[in-house]
C-alpha atoms as a PDB file:
ATOM      1  CA  MET A   1      23.149 150.127-155.524  1.00  0.00           C
ATOM      2  CA  THR A   2      20.155 150.101-152.897  1.00  0.00           C
ATOM      3  CA  LEU A   3      16.442 151.282-154.070  1.00  0.00           C
ATOM      4  CA  ARG A   4      14.998 153.247-151.069  1.00  0.00           C
ATOM      5  CA  THR A   5      11.198 154.175-150.760  1.00  0.00           C
ATOM      6  CA  LYS A   6      10.964 157.677-148.919  1.00  0.00           C
ATOM      7  CA  ARG A   7       7.508 158.198-147.383  1.00  0.00           C
ATOM      8  CA  LYS A   8       6.885 161.601-147.434  1.00  0.00           C
ATOM      9  CA  SER A   9       4.514 162.445-150.528  1.00  0.00           C
ATOM     10  CA  VAL A  10       5.305 165.357-153.152  1.00  0.00           C
ATOM     11  CA  SER A  11       2.619 167.876-154.167  1.00  0.00           C
ATOM     12  CA  GLU A  12       0.871 166.976-156.948  1.00  0.00           C
ATOM     13  CA  ASN A  13       1.665 170.714-158.486  1.00  0.00           C
ATOM     14  CA  ARG A  14       5.280 169.368-158.505  1.00  0.00           C
ATOM     15  CA  ILE A  15       4.190 166.395-160.043  1.00  0.00           C
ATOM     16  CA  ARG A  16       2.193 168.054-163.017  1.00  0.00           C
ATOM     17  CA  THR A  17       4.635 171.003-163.553  1.00  0.00           C
ATOM     18  CA  SER A  18       7.666 168.562-163.586  1.00  0.00           C
ATOM     19  CA  VAL A  19       5.617 166.170-165.978  1.00  0.00           C
ATOM     20  CA  PHE A  20       4.384 169.118-168.493  1.00  0.00           C
ATOM     21  CA  ARG A  21       7.959 170.545-168.441  1.00  0.00           C
ATOM     22  CA  ILE A  22       9.586 167.204-169.450  1.00  0.00           C
ATOM     23  CA  LEU A  23       6.519 166.857-172.573  1.00  0.00           C
ATOM     24  CA  ASN A  24       7.177 170.037-173.586  1.00  0.00           C
ATOM     25  CA  THR A  25      10.470 170.379-174.149  1.00  0.00           C
ATOM     26  CA  ASN A  26      11.086 166.874-176.281  1.00  0.00           C
ATOM     27  CA  ARG A  27       9.700 165.347-179.283  1.00  0.00           C
ATOM     28  CA  LEU A  28      10.305 161.989-179.595  1.00  0.00           C
ATOM     29  CA  CYS A  29       9.286 159.406-177.620  1.00  0.00           C
ATOM     30  CA  SER A  30      10.413 155.197-177.408  1.00  0.00           C
ATOM     31  CA  ILE A  31       6.837 153.047-177.394  1.00  0.00           C
ATOM     32  CA  ALA A  32       6.797 149.259-175.941  1.00  0.00           C
ATOM     33  CA  THR A  33       4.050 146.946-176.880  1.00  0.00           C
ATOM     34  CA  VAL A  34       3.859 142.806-176.248  1.00  0.00           C
ATOM     35  CA  ALA A  35       4.746 141.358-179.605  1.00  0.00           C
ATOM     36  CA  PRO A  36       2.747 138.056-180.011  1.00  0.00           C
ATOM     37  CA  GLY A  37       4.422 135.310-177.813  1.00  0.00           C
ATOM     38  CA  ASN A  38       4.999 137.784-175.062  1.00  0.00           C
ATOM     39  CA  ARG A  39       8.048 139.247-176.870  1.00  0.00           C
ATOM     40  CA  ALA A  40       8.963 142.579-175.795  1.00  0.00           C
ATOM     41  CA  HIS A  41       9.015 144.918-178.767  1.00  0.00           C
ATOM     42  CA  ILE A  42      10.004 148.802-179.078  1.00  0.00           C
ATOM     43  CA  ASN A  43      10.034 151.736-181.771  1.00  0.00           C
ATOM     44  CA  THR A  44      10.359 155.626-181.736  1.00  0.00           C
ATOM     45  CA  ALA A  45       8.011 157.914-182.808  1.00  0.00           C
ATOM     46  CA  PHE A  46       7.280 161.961-182.769  1.00  0.00           C
ATOM     47  CA  PHE A  47       4.818 162.331-180.282  1.00  0.00           C
ATOM     48  CA  ALA A  48       2.114 165.015-179.300  1.00  0.00           C
ATOM     49  CA  TYR A  49      -0.061 165.818-175.736  1.00  0.00           C
ATOM     50  CA  SER A  50      -2.988 167.367-175.006  1.00  0.00           C
ATOM     51  CA  PRO A  51      -2.950 169.188-171.580  1.00  0.00           C
ATOM     52  CA  ALA A  52      -5.457 166.200-170.829  1.00  0.00           C
ATOM     53  CA  LEU A  53      -2.460 163.767-170.259  1.00  0.00           C
ATOM     54  CA  GLU A  54      -3.288 162.251-173.678  1.00  0.00           C
ATOM     55  CA  LEU A  55      -0.639 161.354-175.912  1.00  0.00           C
ATOM     56  CA  TYR A  56      -0.646 161.161-179.584  1.00  0.00           C
ATOM     57  CA  PHE A  57       1.471 159.623-182.259  1.00  0.00           C
ATOM     58  CA  LEU A  58       0.986 158.853-185.887  1.00  0.00           C
ATOM     59  CA  SER A  59       1.930 155.399-187.019  1.00  0.00           C
ATOM     60  CA  ASP A  60       0.972 152.849-190.125  1.00  0.00           C
ATOM     61  CA  PRO A  61      -1.810 150.567-188.863  1.00  0.00           C
ATOM     62  CA  ASP A  62       0.551 147.563-190.268  1.00  0.00           C
ATOM     63  CA  SER A  63       3.252 148.187-188.574  1.00  0.00           C
ATOM     64  CA  LEU A  64       4.515 145.349-186.019  1.00  0.00           C
ATOM     65  CA  HIS A  65       3.635 148.034-183.016  1.00  0.00           C
ATOM     66  CA  SER A  66       0.148 148.968-184.015  1.00  0.00           C
ATOM     67  CA  ARG A  67      -0.454 145.245-184.690  1.00  0.00           C
ATOM     68  CA  ASN A  68       0.789 144.498-181.289  1.00  0.00           C
ATOM     69  CA  LEU A  69      -1.574 147.216-179.576  1.00  0.00           C
ATOM     70  CA  SER A  70      -4.504 146.310-181.655  1.00  0.00           C
ATOM     71  CA  ALA A  71      -4.125 142.506-179.970  1.00  0.00           C
ATOM     72  CA  LEU A  72      -3.226 143.723-177.162  1.00  0.00           C
ATOM     73  CA  PRO A  73      -3.573 147.873-175.616  1.00  0.00           C
ATOM     74  CA  SER A  74      -1.123 147.780-172.635  1.00  0.00           C
ATOM     75  CA  MET A  75       1.798 149.768-173.994  1.00  0.00           C
ATOM     76  CA  ALA A  76       4.540 152.017-171.964  1.00  0.00           C
ATOM     77  CA  MET A  77       6.445 154.876-173.334  1.00  0.00           C
ATOM     78  CA  THR A  78       9.931 156.857-172.242  1.00  0.00           C
ATOM     79  CA  ILE A  79      10.494 160.243-172.933  1.00  0.00           C
ATOM     80  CA  PHE A  80      13.898 162.006-172.638  1.00  0.00           C
ATOM     81  CA  ASP A  81      16.407 164.596-173.534  1.00  0.00           C
ATOM     82  CA  SER A  82      19.349 162.249-175.082  1.00  0.00           C
ATOM     83  CA  ARG A  83      21.855 165.331-175.004  1.00  0.00           C
ATOM     84  CA  GLN A  84      22.219 165.324-171.585  1.00  0.00           C
ATOM     85  CA  SER A  85      25.277 164.814-170.076  1.00  0.00           C
ATOM     86  CA  TRP A  86      26.220 161.791-168.019  1.00  0.00           C
ATOM     87  CA  ASP A  87      26.842 164.529-165.076  1.00  0.00           C
ATOM     88  CA  ASP A  88      24.276 166.828-165.464  1.00  0.00           C
ATOM     89  CA  PRO A  89      21.228 166.445-163.377  1.00  0.00           C
ATOM     90  CA  GLY A  90      18.876 163.669-165.059  1.00  0.00           C
ATOM     91  CA  ARG A  91      15.648 164.694-166.233  1.00  0.00           C
ATOM     92  CA  GLY A  92      13.357 161.805-168.224  1.00  0.00           C
ATOM     93  CA  ILE A  93       9.673 160.090-168.046  1.00  0.00           C
ATOM     94  CA  GLN A  94       8.193 156.899-168.246  1.00  0.00           C
ATOM     95  CA  LEU A  95       5.067 155.692-168.631  1.00  0.00           C
ATOM     96  CA  PHE A  96       2.257 152.914-167.877  1.00  0.00           C
ATOM     97  CA  GLY A  97      -1.085 152.688-169.628  1.00  0.00           C
ATOM     98  CA  THR A  98      -3.120 151.734-172.790  1.00  0.00           C
ATOM     99  CA  GLY A  99      -2.651 152.157-176.204  1.00  0.00           C
ATOM    100  CA  ARG A 100      -4.981 152.259-179.174  1.00  0.00           C
ATOM    101  CA  LYS A 101      -6.236 153.338-182.372  1.00  0.00           C
ATOM    102  CA  THR A 102      -8.602 156.601-182.979  1.00  0.00           C
ATOM    103  CA  TRP A 103     -11.566 156.930-185.004  1.00  0.00           C
ATOM    104  CA  GLY A 104     -13.876 159.721-185.810  1.00  0.00           C
ATOM    105  CA  VAL A 105     -14.169 162.590-183.168  1.00  0.00           C
ATOM    106  CA  GLN A 106     -10.960 161.333-181.678  1.00  0.00           C
ATOM    107  CA  ALA A 107      -8.747 161.163-184.890  1.00  0.00           C
ATOM    108  CA  SER A 108      -9.658 164.884-185.514  1.00  0.00           C
ATOM    109  CA  ARG A 109      -8.721 165.722-182.128  1.00  0.00           C
ATOM    110  CA  ALA A 110      -5.408 163.709-182.499  1.00  0.00           C
ATOM    111  CA  GLU A 111      -4.801 165.915-185.960  1.00  0.00           C
ATOM    112  CA  ARG A 112      -5.896 168.330-184.738  1.00  0.00           C
ATOM    113  CA  THR A 113      -2.911 168.242-181.708  1.00  0.00           C
ATOM    114  CA  TYR A 114      -0.507 166.658-183.730  1.00  0.00           C
ATOM    115  CA  ALA A 115      -0.637 169.803-186.081  1.00  0.00           C
ATOM    116  CA  ASP A 116      -0.322 172.618-183.575  1.00  0.00           C
ATOM    117  CA  ARG A 117       3.084 170.901-182.306  1.00  0.00           C
ATOM    118  CA  PHE A 118       4.085 169.882-186.080  1.00  0.00           C
ATOM    119  CA  PRO A 119       3.654 172.607-188.483  1.00  0.00           C
ATOM    120  CA  SER A 120       5.186 170.656-191.335  1.00  0.00           C
ATOM    121  CA  PHE A 121       2.439 167.833-191.352  1.00  0.00           C
ATOM    122  CA  ALA A 122      -0.543 170.037-191.870  1.00  0.00           C
ATOM    123  CA  ARG A 123       1.801 172.228-194.647  1.00  0.00           C
ATOM    124  CA  TRP A 124       2.202 168.757-196.191  1.00  0.00           C
ATOM    125  CA  LEU A 125      -1.418 167.914-195.968  1.00  0.00           C
ATOM    126  CA  ARG A 126      -2.340 170.924-197.418  1.00  0.00           C
ATOM    127  CA  GLY A 127       0.467 170.826-200.118  1.00  0.00           C
ATOM    128  CA  ARG A 128      -0.276 171.316-204.372  1.00  0.00           C
ATOM    129  CA  SER A 129       2.508 169.718-205.717  1.00  0.00           C
ATOM    130  CA  ALA A 130       2.682 166.547-207.448  1.00  0.00           C
ATOM    131  CA  ALA A 131       5.428 165.441-204.972  1.00  0.00           C
ATOM    132  CA  GLU A 132       3.674 167.199-201.539  1.00  0.00           C
ATOM    133  CA  ARG A 133       0.442 165.705-202.613  1.00  0.00           C
ATOM    134  CA  GLU A 134       2.120 162.219-202.617  1.00  0.00           C
ATOM    135  CA  GLN A 135       3.654 162.961-199.491  1.00  0.00           C
ATOM    136  CA  ALA A 136      -0.147 163.976-197.866  1.00  0.00           C
ATOM    137  CA  ALA A 137      -1.502 160.738-199.301  1.00  0.00           C
ATOM    138  CA  ARG A 138       1.224 158.449-197.933  1.00  0.00           C
ATOM    139  CA  LEU A 139       0.604 160.709-194.090  1.00  0.00           C
ATOM    140  CA  ARG A 140      -3.114 160.039-194.916  1.00  0.00           C
ATOM    141  CA  SER A 141      -2.422 156.314-194.899  1.00  0.00           C
ATOM    142  CA  TYR A 142      -1.421 156.391-191.307  1.00  0.00           C
ATOM    143  CA  ALA A 143      -3.488 156.284-188.238  1.00  0.00           C
ATOM    144  CA  PHE A 144      -3.239 158.382-185.041  1.00  0.00           C
ATOM    145  CA  PHE A 145      -2.879 155.894-181.847  1.00  0.00           C
ATOM    146  CA  ARG A 146      -3.791 157.669-178.485  1.00  0.00           C
ATOM    147  CA  PHE A 147      -2.000 156.792-175.446  1.00  0.00           C
ATOM    148  CA  MET A 148      -3.037 157.028-171.542  1.00  0.00           C
ATOM    149  CA  PRO A 149      -1.337 156.617-169.063  1.00  0.00           C
ATOM    150  CA  ASN A 150      -2.158 155.327-165.979  1.00  0.00           C
ATOM    151  CA  ARG A 151       1.243 155.608-164.131  1.00  0.00           C
ATOM    152  CA  VAL A 152       4.111 158.164-164.073  1.00  0.00           C
ATOM    153  CA  LYS A 153       7.941 157.723-162.980  1.00  0.00           C
ATOM    154  CA  VAL A 154       9.761 160.910-163.244  1.00  0.00           C
ATOM    155  CA  LEU A 155      13.095 161.829-163.183  1.00  0.00           C
ATOM    156  CA  ASP A 156      13.577 165.006-162.551  1.00  0.00           C
ATOM    157  CA  GLU A 157      17.104 165.528-160.006  1.00  0.00           C
ATOM    158  CA  ALA A 158      17.152 169.344-160.137  1.00  0.00           C
ATOM    159  CA  GLU A 159      13.124 169.200-158.810  1.00  0.00           C
ATOM    160  CA  PHE A 160      13.289 165.912-156.662  1.00  0.00           C
ATOM    161  CA  GLY A 161      17.235 165.435-155.879  1.00  0.00           C
ATOM    162  CA  GLY A 162      19.345 163.021-156.853  1.00  0.00           C
ATOM    163  CA  ALA A 163      18.586 159.545-158.028  1.00  0.00           C
ATOM    164  CA  ALA A 164      14.809 160.130-157.293  1.00  0.00           C
ATOM    165  CA  PHE A 165      11.904 158.667-159.076  1.00  0.00           C
ATOM    166  CA  VAL A 166       8.334 159.831-158.181  1.00  0.00           C
ATOM    167  CA  VAL A 167       5.538 157.773-159.124  1.00  0.00           C
ATOM    168  CA  ALA A 168       2.007 158.688-159.549  1.00  0.00           C
ATOM    169  CA  ARG A 169      -1.030 157.451-160.648  1.00  0.00           C
ATOM    170  CA  VAL A 170      -3.476 158.735-163.245  1.00  0.00           C
ATOM    171  CA  ILE A 171      -6.441 159.622-161.793  1.00  0.00           C
ATOM    172  CA  ARG A 172      -9.071 160.742-164.630  1.00  0.00           C
ATOM    173  CA  ARG A 173     -12.604 161.534-164.064  1.00  0.00           C
ATOM    174  CA  GLY A 174     -14.987 159.523-165.651  1.00  0.00           C
ATOM    175  CA  GLY A 175     -12.759 156.514-165.705  1.00  0.00           C
ATOM    176  CA  PRO A 176      -9.949 155.900-168.017  1.00  0.00           C
ATOM    177  CA  SER A 177     -11.092 157.225-171.289  1.00  0.00           C
ATOM    178  CA  GLY A 178     -12.167 160.554-169.527  1.00  0.00           C
ATOM    179  CA  ARG A 179     -10.721 163.879-170.909  1.00  0.00           C
ATOM    180  CA  ASP A 180     -10.576 166.442-168.215  1.00  0.00           C
ATOM    181  CA  ARG A 181      -7.733 167.175-166.762  1.00  0.00           C
ATOM    182  CA  PRO A 182      -7.176 164.387-164.769  1.00  0.00           C
ATOM    183  CA  ARG A 183      -5.206 163.734-160.859  1.00  0.00           C
ATOM    184  CA  LEU A 184      -1.944 163.250-160.845  1.00  0.00           C
ATOM    185  CA  ALA A 185      -2.004 161.471-157.435  1.00  0.00           C
ATOM    186  CA  TRP A 186       1.862 160.571-155.216  1.00  0.00           C
ATOM    187  CA  HIS A 187       2.058 157.069-154.705  1.00  0.00           C
ATOM    188  CA  SER A 188       5.985 156.943-154.265  1.00  0.00           C
ATOM    189  CA  THR A 189       9.715 158.030-154.525  1.00  0.00           C
ATOM    190  CA  GLU A 190      11.866 155.592-155.008  1.00  0.00           C
ATOM    191  CA  VAL A 191      15.804 156.677-154.597  1.00  0.00           C
ATOM    192  CA  LEU A 192      18.846 155.138-155.872  1.00  0.00           C
ATOM    193  CA  VAL A 193      21.833 154.964-152.230  1.00  0.00           C
ATOM    194  CA  PRO A 194      25.184 153.996-153.135  1.00  0.00           C
ATOM    195  CA  GLY A 195      26.203 151.000-150.948  1.00  0.00           C
ATOM    196  CA  ASP A 196      24.124 149.186-148.487  1.00  0.00           C
ATOM    197  CA  GLY A 197      21.333 150.926-148.001  1.00  0.00           C
ATOM    198  CA  GLU A 198      20.164 148.958-144.505  1.00  0.00           C
ATOM    199  CA  THR A 199      23.158 149.553-142.528  1.00  0.00           C
ATOM    200  CA  GLU A 200      22.891 152.868-143.868  1.00  0.00           C
ATOM    201  CA  GLU A 201      19.623 153.475-142.306  1.00  0.00           C
ATOM    202  CA  LYS A 202      20.557 151.617-139.122  1.00  0.00           C
ATOM    203  CA  ARG A 203      23.312 154.122-138.934  1.00  0.00           C
ATOM    204  CA  ARG A 204      21.030 156.763-139.261  1.00  0.00           C
ATOM    205  CA  ARG A 205      19.039 155.560-136.568  1.00  0.00           C
END
């Protein structure tokens, strides 16, 4: 397989529609962080998201990935439906940016966003039985983290074609921490082609 870059741009509306369709239809993500010694680390978490493309997850502050983010906020995330068949049009997204523990108003916003997506979470926090109060105490010992992507890489073969990865920059008003709806500016489209891509390109000329 050869990687070829297409010059034709993709509209922001198509990219946005695809990104939020993938976010809306999935609940789990894989999170990559940098561990001490520049070693790779990965974990899985449930996530929620906002229209401003802020992604939130709940985690034990003492877990390795949480400690990794405290030391170095660089992180990446993948989101996809693992039930996809091998021969069906593929769909998934890779996101790259920074993740940090939330505090104060930001933490309250994260909790509301998460509870809207996972009603059981809010129900457990309001629980009255001994078991529910124990579960609520455990949940309250965790912290919400906010992931702010600055780049996305989308595989949506039904939308963009087979083996095509659309890369877009996430441009936020007010800088990296802005909460307004960001722009998803097309950067490039990478396509995997079989055989010798250079030879095939010469033949088309």
